[in-house]
Amino acid sequence: MYKDLNGDGVIDTRDQTYLGSPLPKYQFGFNNTFNYKNFDFNMFFSASVGNKVLNQLKISQNIPTNNTSYFSSVLIMPLLP
């Protein structure tokens, strides 16, 4: 998103501004395991509070099922037997 912040009619590097920090003020989590006979149940909840800017790249790379590669210029060679 672009906006002429200094009012000179030109959008350039002098219009850059601080939008906030992607680092949260607090992070917390809860982990618990329940076992009964031959059955176990694990659960984990986590949260972060106080960040102003969302770091989407970090979120995308931390999801194990996401196969998106942001570094497409890097050649990945398959392992040979």
PDB file of N, CA and C in Angstrom:
ATOM      1  N   MET A   1       0.839  -1.164   0.000  1.00  0.00           N
ATOM      2  CA  MET A   1       0.000   0.000   0.000  1.00  0.00           C
ATOM      3  C   MET A   1       0.889   1.232   0.000  1.00  0.00           C
ATOM      4  N   TYR A   2       0.501   2.207  -0.740  1.00  0.00           N
ATOM      5  CA  TYR A   2       1.286   3.422  -0.872  1.00  0.00           C
ATOM      6  C   TYR A   2       0.420   4.623  -0.532  1.00  0.00           C
ATOM      7  N   LYS A   3       1.042   5.609   0.120  1.00  0.00           N
ATOM      8  CA  LYS A   3       0.335   6.831   0.473  1.00  0.00           C
ATOM      9  C   LYS A   3       1.350   7.958   0.548  1.00  0.00           C
ATOM     10  N   ASP A   4       0.966   9.118   0.060  1.00  0.00           N
ATOM     11  CA  ASP A   4       1.832  10.297   0.110  1.00  0.00           C
ATOM     12  C   ASP A   4       1.743  10.882   1.517  1.00  0.00           C
ATOM     13  N   LEU A   5       2.676  10.469   2.392  1.00  0.00           N
ATOM     14  CA  LEU A   5       2.617  10.872   3.793  1.00  0.00           C
ATOM     15  C   LEU A   5       3.144  12.277   4.046  1.00  0.00           C
ATOM     16  N   ASN A   6       4.115  12.720   3.256  1.00  0.00           N
ATOM     17  CA  ASN A   6       4.683  14.049   3.519  1.00  0.00           C
ATOM     18  C   ASN A   6       4.017  15.144   2.684  1.00  0.00           C
ATOM     19  N   GLY A   7       3.071  14.797   1.805  1.00  0.00           N
ATOM     20  CA  GLY A   7       2.279  15.781   1.084  1.00  0.00           C
ATOM     21  C   GLY A   7       2.977  16.510  -0.044  1.00  0.00           C
ATOM     22  N   ASP A   8       4.099  15.964  -0.558  1.00  0.00           N
ATOM     23  CA  ASP A   8       4.801  16.651  -1.644  1.00  0.00           C
ATOM     24  C   ASP A   8       4.299  16.227  -3.035  1.00  0.00           C
ATOM     25  N   GLY A   9       3.319  15.330  -3.104  1.00  0.00           N
ATOM     26  CA  GLY A   9       2.764  14.896  -4.380  1.00  0.00           C
ATOM     27  C   GLY A   9       3.540  13.795  -5.059  1.00  0.00           C
ATOM     28  N   VAL A  10       4.630  13.330  -4.439  1.00  0.00           N
ATOM     29  CA  VAL A  10       5.462  12.272  -5.004  1.00  0.00           C
ATOM     30  C   VAL A  10       5.567  11.156  -3.973  1.00  0.00           C
ATOM     31  N   ILE A  11       5.354   9.917  -4.419  1.00  0.00           N
ATOM     32  CA  ILE A  11       5.543   8.777  -3.531  1.00  0.00           C
ATOM     33  C   ILE A  11       6.950   8.258  -3.731  1.00  0.00           C
ATOM     34  N   ASP A  12       7.789   8.410  -2.696  1.00  0.00           N
ATOM     35  CA  ASP A  12       9.174   7.964  -2.762  1.00  0.00           C
ATOM     36  C   ASP A  12       9.585   7.461  -1.374  1.00  0.00           C
ATOM     37  N   THR A  13      10.904   7.290  -1.174  1.00  0.00           N
ATOM     38  CA  THR A  13      11.397   6.743   0.090  1.00  0.00           C
ATOM     39  C   THR A  13      11.148   7.665   1.275  1.00  0.00           C
ATOM     40  N   ARG A  14      10.902   8.935   1.035  1.00  0.00           N
ATOM     41  CA  ARG A  14      10.622   9.851   2.145  1.00  0.00           C
ATOM     42  C   ARG A  14       9.214   9.671   2.698  1.00  0.00           C
ATOM     43  N   ASP A  15       8.404   8.862   2.033  1.00  0.00           N
ATOM     44  CA  ASP A  15       7.058   8.579   2.513  1.00  0.00           C
ATOM     45  C   ASP A  15       6.993   7.307   3.362  1.00  0.00           C
ATOM     46  N   GLN A  16       8.119   6.657   3.593  1.00  0.00           N
ATOM     47  CA  GLN A  16       8.133   5.447   4.407  1.00  0.00           C
ATOM     48  C   GLN A  16       7.850   5.798   5.864  1.00  0.00           C
ATOM     49  N   THR A  17       7.138   4.892   6.544  1.00  0.00           N
ATOM     50  CA  THR A  17       6.800   5.113   7.946  1.00  0.00           C
ATOM     51  C   THR A  17       6.832   3.791   8.698  1.00  0.00           C
ATOM     52  N   TYR A  18       6.893   3.868   9.996  1.00  0.00           N
ATOM     53  CA  TYR A  18       6.908   2.714  10.873  1.00  0.00           C
ATOM     54  C   TYR A  18       5.470   2.244  11.103  1.00  0.00           C
ATOM     55  N   LEU A  19       5.183   0.993  10.754  1.00  0.00           N
ATOM     56  CA  LEU A  19       3.824   0.471  10.892  1.00  0.00           C
ATOM     57  C   LEU A  19       3.625  -0.331  12.162  1.00  0.00           C
ATOM     58  N   GLY A  20       4.678  -0.742  12.800  1.00  0.00           N
ATOM     59  CA  GLY A  20       4.567  -1.536  14.019  1.00  0.00           C
ATOM     60  C   GLY A  20       5.556  -2.674  13.990  1.00  0.00           C
ATOM     61  N   SER A  21       5.565  -3.429  15.054  1.00  0.00           N
ATOM     62  CA  SER A  21       6.505  -4.526  15.207  1.00  0.00           C
ATOM     63  C   SER A  21       5.822  -5.862  14.948  1.00  0.00           C
ATOM     64  N   PRO A  22       6.483  -6.782  14.235  1.00  0.00           N
ATOM     65  CA  PRO A  22       5.923  -8.120  14.082  1.00  0.00           C
ATOM     66  C   PRO A  22       6.170  -9.000  15.305  1.00  0.00           C
ATOM     67  N   LEU A  23       6.975  -8.515  16.251  1.00  0.00           N
ATOM     68  CA  LEU A  23       7.282  -9.289  17.453  1.00  0.00           C
ATOM     69  C   LEU A  23       6.180  -9.099  18.493  1.00  0.00           C
ATOM     70  N   PRO A  24       5.619 -10.184  19.020  1.00  0.00           N
ATOM     71  CA  PRO A  24       4.545 -10.051  20.002  1.00  0.00           C
ATOM     72  C   PRO A  24       5.070  -9.632  21.374  1.00  0.00           C
ATOM     73  N   LYS A  25       4.207  -8.980  22.146  1.00  0.00           N
ATOM     74  CA  LYS A  25       4.572  -8.618  23.519  1.00  0.00           C
ATOM     75  C   LYS A  25       4.493  -9.828  24.426  1.00  0.00           C
ATOM     76  N   TYR A  26       3.544 -10.725  24.170  1.00  0.00           N
ATOM     77  CA  TYR A  26       3.369 -11.930  24.976  1.00  0.00           C
ATOM     78  C   TYR A  26       3.141 -13.125  24.075  1.00  0.00           C
ATOM     79  N   GLN A  27       3.727 -14.241  24.452  1.00  0.00           N
ATOM     80  CA  GLN A  27       3.466 -15.516  23.806  1.00  0.00           C
ATOM     81  C   GLN A  27       3.187 -16.520  24.908  1.00  0.00           C
ATOM     82  N   PHE A  28       2.176 -17.325  24.712  1.00  0.00           N
ATOM     83  CA  PHE A  28       1.871 -18.331  25.712  1.00  0.00           C
ATOM     84  C   PHE A  28       1.274 -19.549  25.035  1.00  0.00           C
ATOM     85  N   GLY A  29       1.291 -20.655  25.759  1.00  0.00           N
ATOM     86  CA  GLY A  29       0.761 -21.892  25.209  1.00  0.00           C
ATOM     87  C   GLY A  29       0.290 -22.808  26.320  1.00  0.00           C
ATOM     88  N   PHE A  30      -0.452 -23.809  25.930  1.00  0.00           N
ATOM     89  CA  PHE A  30      -0.988 -24.793  26.854  1.00  0.00           C
ATOM     90  C   PHE A  30      -0.881 -26.150  26.183  1.00  0.00           C
ATOM     91  N   ASN A  31      -0.311 -27.103  26.890  1.00  0.00           N
ATOM     92  CA  ASN A  31      -0.128 -28.444  26.371  1.00  0.00           C
ATOM     93  C   ASN A  31      -0.646 -29.430  27.406  1.00  0.00           C
ATOM     94  N   ASN A  32      -1.386 -30.443  26.960  1.00  0.00           N
ATOM     95  CA  ASN A  32      -1.907 -31.427  27.889  1.00  0.00           C
ATOM     96  C   ASN A  32      -2.033 -32.773  27.178  1.00  0.00           C
ATOM     97  N   THR A  33      -1.900 -33.833  27.951  1.00  0.00           N
ATOM     98  CA  THR A  33      -2.031 -35.191  27.450  1.00  0.00           C
ATOM     99  C   THR A  33      -2.962 -35.963  28.362  1.00  0.00           C
ATOM    100  N   PHE A  34      -3.902 -36.659  27.749  1.00  0.00           N
ATOM    101  CA  PHE A  34      -4.816 -37.517  28.484  1.00  0.00           C
ATOM    102  C   PHE A  34      -4.591 -38.955  28.036  1.00  0.00           C
ATOM    103  N   ASN A  35      -4.449 -39.861  28.998  1.00  0.00           N
ATOM    104  CA  ASN A  35      -4.270 -41.283  28.709  1.00  0.00           C
ATOM    105  C   ASN A  35      -5.342 -42.078  29.434  1.00  0.00           C
ATOM    106  N   TYR A  36      -5.941 -43.012  28.708  1.00  0.00           N
ATOM    107  CA  TYR A  36      -6.919 -43.904  29.313  1.00  0.00           C
ATOM    108  C   TYR A  36      -6.822 -45.249  28.617  1.00  0.00           C
ATOM    109  N   LYS A  37      -6.411 -46.246  29.349  1.00  0.00           N
ATOM    110  CA  LYS A  37      -6.214 -47.607  28.844  1.00  0.00           C
ATOM    111  C   LYS A  37      -5.322 -47.578  27.607  1.00  0.00           C
ATOM    112  N   ASN A  38      -5.839 -47.914  26.435  1.00  0.00           N
ATOM    113  CA  ASN A  38      -5.019 -47.967  25.225  1.00  0.00           C
ATOM    114  C   ASN A  38      -5.296 -46.765  24.315  1.00  0.00           C
ATOM    115  N   PHE A  39      -5.699 -45.647  24.901  1.00  0.00           N
ATOM    116  CA  PHE A  39      -6.053 -44.457  24.137  1.00  0.00           C
ATOM    117  C   PHE A  39      -5.325 -43.260  24.732  1.00  0.00           C
ATOM    118  N   ASP A  40      -4.748 -42.441  23.890  1.00  0.00           N
ATOM    119  CA  ASP A  40      -4.145 -41.196  24.382  1.00  0.00           C
ATOM    120  C   ASP A  40      -4.594 -40.031  23.497  1.00  0.00           C
ATOM    121  N   PHE A  41      -4.696 -38.881  24.125  1.00  0.00           N
ATOM    122  CA  PHE A  41      -5.147 -37.673  23.442  1.00  0.00           C
ATOM    123  C   PHE A  41      -4.214 -36.542  23.837  1.00  0.00           C
ATOM    124  N   ASN A  42      -3.583 -35.911  22.846  1.00  0.00           N
ATOM    125  CA  ASN A  42      -2.681 -34.785  23.066  1.00  0.00           C
ATOM    126  C   ASN A  42      -3.287 -33.538  22.460  1.00  0.00           C
ATOM    127  N   MET A  43      -3.144 -32.419  23.165  1.00  0.00           N
ATOM    128  CA  MET A  43      -3.604 -31.148  22.596  1.00  0.00           C
ATOM    129  C   MET A  43      -2.607 -30.052  22.951  1.00  0.00           C
ATOM    130  N   PHE A  44      -2.510 -29.089  22.046  1.00  0.00           N
ATOM    131  CA  PHE A  44      -1.580 -27.977  22.231  1.00  0.00           C
ATOM    132  C   PHE A  44      -2.225 -26.716  21.676  1.00  0.00           C
ATOM    133  N   PHE A  45      -2.273 -25.686  22.488  1.00  0.00           N
ATOM    134  CA  PHE A  45      -2.786 -24.385  22.078  1.00  0.00           C
ATOM    135  C   PHE A  45      -1.675 -23.363  22.250  1.00  0.00           C
ATOM    136  N   SER A  46      -1.551 -22.462  21.308  1.00  0.00           N
ATOM    137  CA  SER A  46      -0.568 -21.396  21.446  1.00  0.00           C
ATOM    138  C   SER A  46      -1.180 -20.089  20.949  1.00  0.00           C
ATOM    139  N   ALA A  47      -0.665 -18.978  21.493  1.00  0.00           N
ATOM    140  CA  ALA A  47      -1.178 -17.668  21.112  1.00  0.00           C
ATOM    141  C   ALA A  47      -0.075 -16.639  21.241  1.00  0.00           C
ATOM    142  N   SER A  48      -0.216 -15.575  20.490  1.00  0.00           N
ATOM    143  CA  SER A  48       0.679 -14.425  20.612  1.00  0.00           C
ATOM    144  C   SER A  48      -0.178 -13.174  20.635  1.00  0.00           C
ATOM    145  N   VAL A  49       0.217 -12.236  21.481  1.00  0.00           N
ATOM    146  CA  VAL A  49      -0.571 -11.016  21.683  1.00  0.00           C
ATOM    147  C   VAL A  49       0.361  -9.816  21.594  1.00  0.00           C
ATOM    148  N   GLY A  50      -0.088  -8.768  20.919  1.00  0.00           N
ATOM    149  CA  GLY A  50       0.643  -7.514  20.945  1.00  0.00           C
ATOM    150  C   GLY A  50       1.445  -7.186  19.711  1.00  0.00           C
ATOM    151  N   ASN A  51       1.402  -8.029  18.671  1.00  0.00           N
ATOM    152  CA  ASN A  51       2.124  -7.670  17.462  1.00  0.00           C
ATOM    153  C   ASN A  51       1.238  -6.795  16.577  1.00  0.00           C
ATOM    154  N   LYS A  52       1.838  -5.804  15.953  1.00  0.00           N
ATOM    155  CA  LYS A  52       1.103  -4.844  15.135  1.00  0.00           C
ATOM    156  C   LYS A  52       1.111  -5.208  13.657  1.00  0.00           C
ATOM    157  N   VAL A  53       2.158  -5.899  13.218  1.00  0.00           N
ATOM    158  CA  VAL A  53       2.320  -6.237  11.808  1.00  0.00           C
ATOM    159  C   VAL A  53       2.388  -7.758  11.709  1.00  0.00           C
ATOM    160  N   LEU A  54       1.660  -8.346  10.778  1.00  0.00           N
ATOM    161  CA  LEU A  54       1.641  -9.783  10.575  1.00  0.00           C
ATOM    162  C   LEU A  54       2.799 -10.193   9.680  1.00  0.00           C
ATOM    163  N   ASN A  55       3.598 -11.147  10.138  1.00  0.00           N
ATOM    164  CA  ASN A  55       4.706 -11.676   9.345  1.00  0.00           C
ATOM    165  C   ASN A  55       4.214 -12.916   8.613  1.00  0.00           C
ATOM    166  N   GLN A  56       3.588 -12.722   7.454  1.00  0.00           N
ATOM    167  CA  GLN A  56       2.970 -13.823   6.708  1.00  0.00           C
ATOM    168  C   GLN A  56       4.005 -14.825   6.212  1.00  0.00           C
ATOM    169  N   LEU A  57       5.199 -14.368   5.860  1.00  0.00           N
ATOM    170  CA  LEU A  57       6.231 -15.282   5.373  1.00  0.00           C
ATOM    171  C   LEU A  57       6.590 -16.295   6.449  1.00  0.00           C
ATOM    172  N   LYS A  58       6.744 -15.847   7.691  1.00  0.00           N
ATOM    173  CA  LYS A  58       7.080 -16.760   8.779  1.00  0.00           C
ATOM    174  C   LYS A  58       5.950 -17.751   9.023  1.00  0.00           C
ATOM    175  N   ILE A  59       4.717 -17.292   8.976  1.00  0.00           N
ATOM    176  CA  ILE A  59       3.584 -18.187   9.185  1.00  0.00           C
ATOM    177  C   ILE A  59       3.527 -19.238   8.085  1.00  0.00           C
ATOM    178  N   SER A  60       3.723 -18.823   6.841  1.00  0.00           N
ATOM    179  CA  SER A  60       3.662 -19.758   5.721  1.00  0.00           C
ATOM    180  C   SER A  60       4.747 -20.818   5.813  1.00  0.00           C
ATOM    181  N   GLN A  61       5.916 -20.461   6.306  1.00  0.00           N
ATOM    182  CA  GLN A  61       7.011 -21.416   6.384  1.00  0.00           C
ATOM    183  C   GLN A  61       6.907 -22.314   7.599  1.00  0.00           C
ATOM    184  N   ASN A  62       6.114 -21.953   8.600  1.00  0.00           N
ATOM    185  CA  ASN A  62       5.969 -22.770   9.796  1.00  0.00           C
ATOM    186  C   ASN A  62       4.846 -23.787   9.694  1.00  0.00           C
ATOM    187  N   ILE A  63       4.066 -23.759   8.617  1.00  0.00           N
ATOM    188  CA  ILE A  63       2.988 -24.725   8.437  1.00  0.00           C
ATOM    189  C   ILE A  63       3.562 -25.941   7.707  1.00  0.00           C
ATOM    190  N   PRO A  64       3.597 -27.116   8.348  1.00  0.00           N
ATOM    191  CA  PRO A  64       4.230 -28.287   7.723  1.00  0.00           C
ATOM    192  C   PRO A  64       3.570 -28.741   6.433  1.00  0.00           C
ATOM    193  N   THR A  65       2.273 -28.509   6.276  1.00  0.00           N
ATOM    194  CA  THR A  65       1.577 -28.983   5.076  1.00  0.00           C
ATOM    195  C   THR A  65       1.684 -28.017   3.910  1.00  0.00           C
ATOM    196  N   ASN A  66       2.286 -26.858   4.119  1.00  0.00           N
ATOM    197  CA  ASN A  66       2.420 -25.859   3.060  1.00  0.00           C
ATOM    198  C   ASN A  66       3.681 -26.148   2.256  1.00  0.00           C
ATOM    199  N   ASN A  67       3.537 -26.314   0.958  1.00  0.00           N
ATOM    200  CA  ASN A  67       4.683 -26.613   0.096  1.00  0.00           C
ATOM    201  C   ASN A  67       5.133 -25.406  -0.709  1.00  0.00           C
ATOM    202  N   THR A  68       4.757 -24.207  -0.303  1.00  0.00           N
ATOM    203  CA  THR A  68       5.112 -23.001  -1.037  1.00  0.00           C
ATOM    204  C   THR A  68       6.590 -22.697  -0.857  1.00  0.00           C
ATOM    205  N   SER A  69       7.273 -22.443  -1.938  1.00  0.00           N
ATOM    206  CA  SER A  69       8.684 -22.090  -1.888  1.00  0.00           C
ATOM    207  C   SER A  69       8.835 -20.622  -2.269  1.00  0.00           C
ATOM    208  N   TYR A  70       9.320 -19.806  -1.344  1.00  0.00           N
ATOM    209  CA  TYR A  70       9.546 -18.399  -1.623  1.00  0.00           C
ATOM    210  C   TYR A  70      10.910 -18.163  -2.261  1.00  0.00           C
ATOM    211  N   PHE A  71      11.731 -19.206  -2.281  1.00  0.00           N
ATOM    212  CA  PHE A  71      13.062 -19.088  -2.853  1.00  0.00           C
ATOM    213  C   PHE A  71      13.116 -19.932  -4.114  1.00  0.00           C
ATOM    214  N   SER A  72      12.391 -19.490  -5.148  1.00  0.00           N
ATOM    215  CA  SER A  72      12.280 -20.300  -6.365  1.00  0.00           C
ATOM    216  C   SER A  72      13.574 -20.303  -7.175  1.00  0.00           C
ATOM    217  N   SER A  73      14.492 -19.378  -6.897  1.00  0.00           N
ATOM    218  CA  SER A  73      15.731 -19.351  -7.660  1.00  0.00           C
ATOM    219  C   SER A  73      16.740 -20.388  -7.146  1.00  0.00           C
ATOM    220  N   VAL A  74      16.464 -21.001  -6.008  1.00  0.00           N
ATOM    221  CA  VAL A  74      17.362 -22.003  -5.450  1.00  0.00           C
ATOM    222  C   VAL A  74      17.019 -23.351  -6.084  1.00  0.00           C
ATOM    223  N   LEU A  75      18.001 -23.997  -6.650  1.00  0.00           N
ATOM    224  CA  LEU A  75      17.798 -25.292  -7.293  1.00  0.00           C
ATOM    225  C   LEU A  75      17.869 -26.373  -6.237  1.00  0.00           C
ATOM    226  N   ILE A  76      16.835 -27.187  -6.150  1.00  0.00           N
ATOM    227  CA  ILE A  76      16.791 -28.285  -5.195  1.00  0.00           C
ATOM    228  C   ILE A  76      17.041 -29.566  -5.952  1.00  0.00           C
ATOM    229  N   MET A  77      18.113 -30.238  -5.594  1.00  0.00           N
ATOM    230  CA  MET A  77      18.475 -31.480  -6.269  1.00  0.00           C
ATOM    231  C   MET A  77      17.915 -32.648  -5.488  1.00  0.00           C
ATOM    232  N   PRO A  78      17.331 -33.656  -6.168  1.00  0.00           N
ATOM    233  CA  PRO A  78      16.831 -34.829  -5.462  1.00  0.00           C
ATOM    234  C   PRO A  78      17.998 -35.689  -4.971  1.00  0.00           C
ATOM    235  N   LEU A  79      17.731 -36.409  -3.889  1.00  0.00           N
ATOM    236  CA  LEU A  79      18.752 -37.317  -3.373  1.00  0.00           C
ATOM    237  C   LEU A  79      18.842 -38.544  -4.275  1.00  0.00           C
ATOM    238  N   LEU A  80      20.050 -38.919  -4.613  1.00  0.00           N
ATOM    239  CA  LEU A  80      20.268 -40.074  -5.468  1.00  0.00           C
ATOM    240  C   LEU A  80      20.568 -41.286  -4.605  1.00  0.00           C
ATOM    241  N   PRO A  81      20.061 -42.472  -5.008  1.00  0.00           N
ATOM    242  CA  PRO A  81      20.322 -43.685  -4.199  1.00  0.00           C
ATOM    243  C   PRO A  81      21.757 -44.127  -4.253  1.00  0.00           C
TER     244      PRO A  81
END
